[in-house]
Amino acid sequence: MPKLTLRSAMPGQGPSAPTAAAAAAAAARGDQPAAAQNKPAKCKACCACPETKRARDECIVLNGEEHCRPLIEAHKQCMRDMGFNI
């Protein structure tokens, strides 16, 4: 199996997308246009809304899905607010 090595990109090379932390810091400083500040942070669906996801999952495990509708709906709404089409 070939050995893979990681190289860091030099400034001006490689992906130019800022990290979520850098984007949040720039937004806090006001470095981004107003339209960009209103958009939710981009992240994967698995990482979005950890608080509502945790509460929903715990409720389902302990009580069954049929008893957790409000938490399920709250998580869906959070996902929609983050820009996911649920």
C-alpha atoms as a PDB file:
ATOM      1  CA  MET A   1       0.000   0.000   0.000  1.00  0.00           C
ATOM      2  CA  PRO A   2       1.450   3.424  -0.910  1.00  0.00           C
ATOM      3  CA  LYS A   3       2.319   5.734   1.946  1.00  0.00           C
ATOM      4  CA  LEU A   4       0.295   8.935   2.044  1.00  0.00           C
ATOM      5  CA  THR A   5       1.765  12.153   3.321  1.00  0.00           C
ATOM      6  CA  LEU A   6       0.002  15.368   4.194  1.00  0.00           C
ATOM      7  CA  ARG A   7       1.361  18.680   3.039  1.00  0.00           C
ATOM      8  CA  SER A   8       0.134  22.012   4.246  1.00  0.00           C
ATOM      9  CA  ALA A   9      -0.848  24.467   1.560  1.00  0.00           C
ATOM     10  CA  MET A  10       1.183  27.597   1.101  1.00  0.00           C
ATOM     11  CA  PRO A  11      -0.697  30.894   1.353  1.00  0.00           C
ATOM     12  CA  GLY A  12      -2.609  31.450  -1.858  1.00  0.00           C
ATOM     13  CA  GLN A  13      -2.703  27.735  -2.672  1.00  0.00           C
ATOM     14  CA  GLY A  14      -5.167  24.986  -1.881  1.00  0.00           C
ATOM     15  CA  PRO A  15      -8.752  25.414  -0.701  1.00  0.00           C
ATOM     16  CA  SER A  16      -9.706  28.985  -0.016  1.00  0.00           C
ATOM     17  CA  ALA A  17     -12.905  28.359   1.967  1.00  0.00           C
ATOM     18  CA  PRO A  18     -12.632  29.763   5.492  1.00  0.00           C
ATOM     19  CA  THR A  19     -13.272  27.544   8.470  1.00  0.00           C
ATOM     20  CA  ALA A  20     -16.488  28.006  10.435  1.00  0.00           C
ATOM     21  CA  ALA A  21     -14.526  29.573  13.302  1.00  0.00           C
ATOM     22  CA  ALA A  22     -12.798  32.012  10.973  1.00  0.00           C
ATOM     23  CA  ALA A  23     -16.097  32.897   9.322  1.00  0.00           C
ATOM     24  CA  ALA A  24     -17.737  33.470  12.701  1.00  0.00           C
ATOM     25  CA  ALA A  25     -14.851  35.662  13.829  1.00  0.00           C
ATOM     26  CA  ALA A  26     -15.019  37.675  10.612  1.00  0.00           C
ATOM     27  CA  ALA A  27     -18.773  38.100  11.010  1.00  0.00           C
ATOM     28  CA  ALA A  28     -18.305  39.282  14.588  1.00  0.00           C
ATOM     29  CA  ARG A  29     -15.790  41.880  13.381  1.00  0.00           C
ATOM     30  CA  GLY A  30     -18.164  42.942  10.603  1.00  0.00           C
ATOM     31  CA  ASP A  31     -15.784  41.885   7.816  1.00  0.00           C
ATOM     32  CA  GLN A  32     -18.537  40.198   5.805  1.00  0.00           C
ATOM     33  CA  PRO A  33     -21.389  41.786   3.864  1.00  0.00           C
ATOM     34  CA  ALA A  34     -24.758  41.948   5.648  1.00  0.00           C
ATOM     35  CA  ALA A  35     -26.241  39.210   3.425  1.00  0.00           C
ATOM     36  CA  ALA A  36     -23.492  36.770   4.416  1.00  0.00           C
ATOM     37  CA  GLN A  37     -23.978  37.522   8.126  1.00  0.00           C
ATOM     38  CA  ASN A  38     -27.656  36.484   7.980  1.00  0.00           C
ATOM     39  CA  LYS A  39     -26.949  33.039   6.524  1.00  0.00           C
ATOM     40  CA  PRO A  40     -26.642  30.128   8.965  1.00  0.00           C
ATOM     41  CA  ALA A  41     -23.225  28.530   9.359  1.00  0.00           C
ATOM     42  CA  LYS A  42     -22.502  25.752   6.886  1.00  0.00           C
ATOM     43  CA  CYS A  43     -21.985  22.367   8.450  1.00  0.00           C
ATOM     44  CA  LYS A  44     -22.809  18.742   7.834  1.00  0.00           C
ATOM     45  CA  ALA A  45     -26.250  17.493   8.840  1.00  0.00           C
ATOM     46  CA  CYS A  46     -24.686  15.111  11.344  1.00  0.00           C
ATOM     47  CA  CYS A  47     -23.114  18.032  13.219  1.00  0.00           C
ATOM     48  CA  ALA A  48     -26.021  20.479  13.128  1.00  0.00           C
ATOM     49  CA  CYS A  49     -28.232  21.081  16.176  1.00  0.00           C
ATOM     50  CA  PRO A  50     -26.421  18.840  18.669  1.00  0.00           C
ATOM     51  CA  GLU A  51     -28.597  19.951  21.619  1.00  0.00           C
ATOM     52  CA  THR A  52     -31.930  19.112  20.005  1.00  0.00           C
ATOM     53  CA  LYS A  53     -30.497  15.955  18.449  1.00  0.00           C
ATOM     54  CA  ARG A  54     -29.229  14.690  21.813  1.00  0.00           C
ATOM     55  CA  ALA A  55     -32.555  15.403  23.568  1.00  0.00           C
ATOM     56  CA  ARG A  56     -34.528  13.796  20.733  1.00  0.00           C
ATOM     57  CA  ASP A  57     -32.372  10.667  20.640  1.00  0.00           C
ATOM     58  CA  GLU A  58     -32.430  10.216  24.416  1.00  0.00           C
ATOM     59  CA  CYS A  59     -36.218  10.577  24.502  1.00  0.00           C
ATOM     60  CA  ILE A  60     -36.688   8.043  21.712  1.00  0.00           C
ATOM     61  CA  VAL A  61     -34.425   5.491  23.430  1.00  0.00           C
ATOM     62  CA  LEU A  62     -36.115   5.895  26.804  1.00  0.00           C
ATOM     63  CA  ASN A  63     -39.752   6.456  25.779  1.00  0.00           C
ATOM     64  CA  GLY A  64     -40.246   5.400  22.173  1.00  0.00           C
ATOM     65  CA  GLU A  65     -40.706   7.599  19.122  1.00  0.00           C
ATOM     66  CA  GLU A  66     -44.463   8.027  19.589  1.00  0.00           C
ATOM     67  CA  HIS A  67     -43.900   9.882  22.903  1.00  0.00           C
ATOM     68  CA  CYS A  68     -41.256  12.284  21.573  1.00  0.00           C
ATOM     69  CA  ARG A  69     -43.046  14.180  18.800  1.00  0.00           C
ATOM     70  CA  PRO A  70     -42.362  17.664  20.260  1.00  0.00           C
ATOM     71  CA  LEU A  71     -38.617  16.972  20.493  1.00  0.00           C
ATOM     72  CA  ILE A  72     -38.550  15.459  17.013  1.00  0.00           C
ATOM     73  CA  GLU A  73     -40.321  18.516  15.594  1.00  0.00           C
ATOM     74  CA  ALA A  74     -38.001  20.873  17.507  1.00  0.00           C
ATOM     75  CA  HIS A  75     -34.977  19.122  15.971  1.00  0.00           C
ATOM     76  CA  LYS A  76     -36.506  19.296  12.493  1.00  0.00           C
ATOM     77  CA  GLN A  77     -37.125  23.027  12.936  1.00  0.00           C
ATOM     78  CA  CYS A  78     -33.553  23.566  14.105  1.00  0.00           C
ATOM     79  CA  MET A  79     -32.299  21.713  11.022  1.00  0.00           C
ATOM     80  CA  ARG A  80     -34.495  23.887   8.781  1.00  0.00           C
ATOM     81  CA  ASP A  81     -33.169  26.995  10.522  1.00  0.00           C
ATOM     82  CA  MET A  82     -29.632  25.814   9.745  1.00  0.00           C
ATOM     83  CA  GLY A  83     -30.560  25.635   6.056  1.00  0.00           C
ATOM     84  CA  PHE A  84     -31.279  21.927   5.646  1.00  0.00           C
ATOM     85  CA  ASN A  85     -34.312  20.839   3.616  1.00  0.00           C
ATOM     86  CA  ILE A  86     -36.159  18.611   6.085  1.00  0.00           C
END
